C-alpha atoms as a PDB file:
ATOM      1  CA  ARG A   1     277.738 -97.572  12.794  1.00  0.00           C
ATOM      2  CA  SER A   2     277.651-100.561  12.547  1.00  0.00           C
ATOM      3  CA  TYR A   3     279.811-100.773   9.937  1.00  0.00           C
ATOM      4  CA  ALA A   4     282.464 -99.904  11.232  1.00  0.00           C
ATOM      5  CA  ALA A   5     282.457-103.080  13.722  1.00  0.00           C
ATOM      6  CA  LEU A   6     281.178-105.180  11.448  1.00  0.00           C
ATOM      7  CA  GLY A   7     284.627-104.257   9.134  1.00  0.00           C
ATOM      8  CA  ASP A   8     286.898-104.602  12.088  1.00  0.00           C
ATOM      9  CA  VAL A   9     285.271-108.196  12.705  1.00  0.00           C
ATOM     10  CA  LEU A  10     286.004-108.680   9.303  1.00  0.00           C
ATOM     11  CA  LEU A  11     289.836-107.472   9.590  1.00  0.00           C
ATOM     12  CA  ARG A  12     290.388-109.730  12.532  1.00  0.00           C
ATOM     13  CA  ALA A  13     288.646-112.715  11.013  1.00  0.00           C
ATOM     14  CA  GLY A  14     291.244-111.890   8.111  1.00  0.00           C
ATOM     15  CA  GLU A  15     288.478-111.202   5.874  1.00  0.00           C
ATOM     16  CA  ALA A  16     290.807-108.249   4.224  1.00  0.00           C
ATOM     17  CA  GLU A  17     288.871-108.509   0.793  1.00  0.00           C
ATOM     18  CA  GLN A  18     284.914-108.668   2.329  1.00  0.00           C
ATOM     19  CA  ALA A  19     286.194-105.791   4.381  1.00  0.00           C
ATOM     20  CA  VAL A  20     286.728-103.748   1.892  1.00  0.00           C
ATOM     21  CA  VAL A  21     283.905-104.016  -0.279  1.00  0.00           C
ATOM     22  CA  LEU A  22     281.889-103.583   3.024  1.00  0.00           C
ATOM     23  CA  LEU A  23     284.294-100.458   4.599  1.00  0.00           C
ATOM     24  CA  ARG A  24     284.523 -98.926   1.063  1.00  0.00           C
ATOM     25  CA  GLU A  25     280.776 -98.846   0.571  1.00  0.00           C
ATOM     26  CA  ALA A  26     280.159 -97.102   3.936  1.00  0.00           C
ATOM     27  CA  ALA A  27     283.110 -94.680   3.035  1.00  0.00           C
ATOM     28  CA  THR A  28     281.451 -94.076   0.087  1.00  0.00           C
ATOM     29  CA  GLU A  29     278.141 -93.421   2.123  1.00  0.00           C
ATOM     30  CA  TRP A  30     279.495 -91.289   5.507  1.00  0.00           C
ATOM     31  CA  GLN A  31     282.628 -89.614   3.875  1.00  0.00           C
ATOM     32  CA  GLU A  32     282.635 -87.802   7.201  1.00  0.00           C
ATOM     33  CA  ASP A  33     283.206 -90.605   9.046  1.00  0.00           C
ATOM     34  CA  ASP A  34     287.140 -90.910   9.409  1.00  0.00           C
ATOM     35  CA  ARG A  35     286.815 -94.402  11.556  1.00  0.00           C
ATOM     36  CA  LEU A  36     285.365 -96.383   8.134  1.00  0.00           C
ATOM     37  CA  ARG A  37     288.303 -94.336   6.137  1.00  0.00           C
ATOM     38  CA  PHE A  38     291.401 -95.524   8.324  1.00  0.00           C
ATOM     39  CA  LEU A  39     289.731 -99.198   8.871  1.00  0.00           C
ATOM     40  CA  LEU A  40     289.719 -98.941   4.424  1.00  0.00           C
ATOM     41  CA  ALA A  41     293.485 -98.290   4.939  1.00  0.00           C
ATOM     42  CA  LEU A  42     293.787-100.849   7.199  1.00  0.00           C
ATOM     43  CA  ALA A  43     292.579-103.764   4.878  1.00  0.00           C
ATOM     44  CA  HIS A  44     293.779-102.919   1.587  1.00  0.00           C
ATOM     45  CA  ALA A  45     296.934-102.312   3.850  1.00  0.00           C
ATOM     46  CA  ARG A  46     296.148-106.488   4.841  1.00  0.00           C
ATOM     47  CA  GLN A  47     296.000-106.913   0.644  1.00  0.00           C
ATOM     48  CA  ALA A  48     299.049-105.361   0.031  1.00  0.00           C
ATOM     49  CA  GLN A  49     297.213-103.021  -2.072  1.00  0.00           C
ATOM     50  CA  HIS A  50     299.928-100.274  -1.225  1.00  0.00           C
ATOM     51  CA  GLN A  51     298.220 -97.890  -3.082  1.00  0.00           C
ATOM     52  CA  GLU A  52     294.687 -97.990  -1.894  1.00  0.00           C
ATOM     53  CA  THR A  53     295.937 -98.414   1.309  1.00  0.00           C
ATOM     54  CA  LEU A  54     297.756 -94.630   1.032  1.00  0.00           C
ATOM     55  CA  ALA A  55     294.774 -92.878  -0.588  1.00  0.00           C
ATOM     56  CA  ASN A  56     292.848 -93.850   2.726  1.00  0.00           C
ATOM     57  CA  VAL A  57     295.239 -93.499   5.196  1.00  0.00           C
ATOM     58  CA  GLU A  58     296.396 -89.660   3.959  1.00  0.00           C
ATOM     59  CA  ALA A  59     292.885 -88.762   3.753  1.00  0.00           C
ATOM     60  CA  TYR A  60     292.306 -89.987   7.514  1.00  0.00           C
ATOM     61  CA  LEU A  61     295.517 -88.471   8.320  1.00  0.00           C
ATOM     62  CA  ALA A  62     294.096 -84.955   6.719  1.00  0.00           C
ATOM     63  CA  ARG A  63     291.807 -84.846   9.682  1.00  0.00           C
ATOM     64  CA  HIS A  64     294.036 -86.142  12.230  1.00  0.00           C
ATOM     65  CA  PRO A  65     297.633 -85.823  11.778  1.00  0.00           C
ATOM     66  CA  ASP A  66     298.931 -86.882  15.015  1.00  0.00           C
ATOM     67  CA  ASP A  67     297.693 -90.327  15.084  1.00  0.00           C
ATOM     68  CA  ALA A  68     300.912 -92.230  15.263  1.00  0.00           C
ATOM     69  CA  GLU A  69     299.193 -95.628  14.415  1.00  0.00           C
ATOM     70  CA  ALA A  70     298.298 -94.186  10.854  1.00  0.00           C
ATOM     71  CA  MET A  71     301.853 -92.839  10.398  1.00  0.00           C
ATOM     72  CA  LEU A  72     302.863 -96.093  11.432  1.00  0.00           C
ATOM     73  CA  VAL A  73     300.128 -97.370   8.232  1.00  0.00           C
ATOM     74  CA  ALA A  74     301.154 -95.024   5.654  1.00  0.00           C
ATOM     75  CA  ALA A  75     304.879 -95.369   6.752  1.00  0.00           C
ATOM     76  CA  HIS A  76     304.673 -99.237   6.198  1.00  0.00           C
ATOM     77  CA  ALA A  77     302.377 -98.729   2.889  1.00  0.00           C
ATOM     78  CA  LEU A  78     305.670 -96.903   1.758  1.00  0.00           C
ATOM     79  CA  PHE A  79     308.090 -99.071   2.774  1.00  0.00           C
ATOM     80  CA  ALA A  80     306.037-102.119   1.739  1.00  0.00           C
ATOM     81  CA  ALA A  81     305.598-100.980  -1.806  1.00  0.00           C
ATOM     82  CA  GLN A  82     309.414-100.463  -2.164  1.00  0.00           C
ATOM     83  CA  ALA A  83     310.687-103.796  -1.329  1.00  0.00           C
ATOM     84  CA  GLU A  84     308.261-105.214  -3.674  1.00  0.00           C
ATOM     85  CA  ARG A  85     309.354-102.707  -6.285  1.00  0.00           C
ATOM     86  CA  GLN A  86     306.237-101.150  -6.995  1.00  0.00           C
ATOM     87  CA  VAL A  87     306.194 -96.917  -7.847  1.00  0.00           C
ATOM     88  CA  ILE A  88     303.077 -95.056  -6.569  1.00  0.00           C
ATOM     89  CA  VAL A  89     303.782 -91.870  -7.769  1.00  0.00           C
ATOM     90  CA  SER A  90     307.821 -91.670  -8.927  1.00  0.00           C
ATOM     91  CA  ASP A  91     310.958 -93.298  -7.096  1.00  0.00           C
ATOM     92  CA  GLN A  92     312.089 -90.136  -5.485  1.00  0.00           C
ATOM     93  CA  THR A  93     307.803 -88.655  -4.700  1.00  0.00           C
ATOM     94  CA  ASP A  94     307.826 -92.369  -2.175  1.00  0.00           C
ATOM     95  CA  ARG A  95     311.091 -92.059  -1.093  1.00  0.00           C
ATOM     96  CA  ASP A  96     310.736 -88.826  -0.059  1.00  0.00           C
ATOM     97  CA  ARG A  97     307.204 -89.152   1.261  1.00  0.00           C
ATOM     98  CA  LEU A  98     308.468 -92.375   3.674  1.00  0.00           C
ATOM     99  CA  ALA A  99     310.973 -90.469   4.533  1.00  0.00           C
ATOM    100  CA  HIS A 100     308.247 -87.759   5.401  1.00  0.00           C
ATOM    101  CA  TYR A 101     305.904 -90.493   7.689  1.00  0.00           C
ATOM    102  CA  VAL A 102     309.509 -92.384   9.279  1.00  0.00           C
ATOM    103  CA  ALA A 103     310.254 -89.514  10.583  1.00  0.00           C
ATOM    104  CA  LEU A 104     306.769 -87.858  11.950  1.00  0.00           C
ATOM    105  CA  TYR A 105     305.890 -91.252  13.125  1.00  0.00           C
ATOM    106  CA  VAL A 106     309.865 -91.962  14.818  1.00  0.00           C
ATOM    107  CA  ARG A 107     308.988 -88.172  16.346  1.00  0.00           C
ATOM    108  CA  SER A 108     305.897 -89.005  17.733  1.00  0.00           C
ATOM    109  CA  GLY A 109     307.291 -92.142  20.482  1.00  0.00           C
ATOM    110  CA  GLY A 110     305.522 -94.521  18.470  1.00  0.00           C
ATOM    111  CA  PRO A 111     306.292 -97.986  20.403  1.00  0.00           C
ATOM    112  CA  HIS A 112     307.435 -98.666  16.720  1.00  0.00           C
ATOM    113  CA  ALA A 113     309.866 -96.616  16.059  1.00  0.00           C
ATOM    114  CA  ASP A 114     313.009 -98.601  16.502  1.00  0.00           C
ATOM    115  CA  LEU A 115     311.966-100.636  14.188  1.00  0.00           C
ATOM    116  CA  VAL A 116     310.443 -97.552  11.836  1.00  0.00           C
ATOM    117  CA  ALA A 117     313.233 -95.713  11.732  1.00  0.00           C
ATOM    118  CA  GLY A 118     315.399 -98.409   9.563  1.00  0.00           C
ATOM    119  CA  TRP A 119     313.444 -97.920   6.881  1.00  0.00           C
ATOM    120  CA  ALA A 120     314.025 -94.750   5.635  1.00  0.00           C
ATOM    121  CA  PRO A 121     317.739 -93.365   4.970  1.00  0.00           C
ATOM    122  CA  PRO A 122     319.491 -92.773   8.440  1.00  0.00           C
ATOM    123  CA  GLU A 123     320.320 -88.883   7.359  1.00  0.00           C
ATOM    124  CA  THR A 124     316.223 -88.458   7.058  1.00  0.00           C
ATOM    125  CA  VAL A 125     315.125 -89.746  10.705  1.00  0.00           C
ATOM    126  CA  PRO A 126     315.401 -88.555  13.917  1.00  0.00           C
ATOM    127  CA  ALA A 127     316.365 -89.874  16.803  1.00  0.00           C
ATOM    128  CA  PRO A 128     313.411 -91.939  18.794  1.00  0.00           C
ATOM    129  CA  ARG A 129     312.165 -90.162  21.940  1.00  0.00           C
END
């Protein structure tokens, strides 16, 4: 669909707010289009809207559990929320979710595994591949 392409162009042009409006409408209309959901998560991430980022990327991950890039987006949203002292669910739940996504990403062998491993307590993160 052209909505995904236009949303991607808006994101690349630094127009995250416009991308959110467009992609939210498109993701509501075509709920089965996972690419729209993922792009919407990225648009929210660009605006530091961590709760919305997580809602969308977790919906995407439910259908694409092995997508390392999506794991990274989820981990970053939780890490950034903690750094900004924002609570999404509760302090403990947010820390547990962060540890979960960090561990998944590191185990996936994602290209930023060494960096991401530092976002969670060391005892919760497996060694990078």
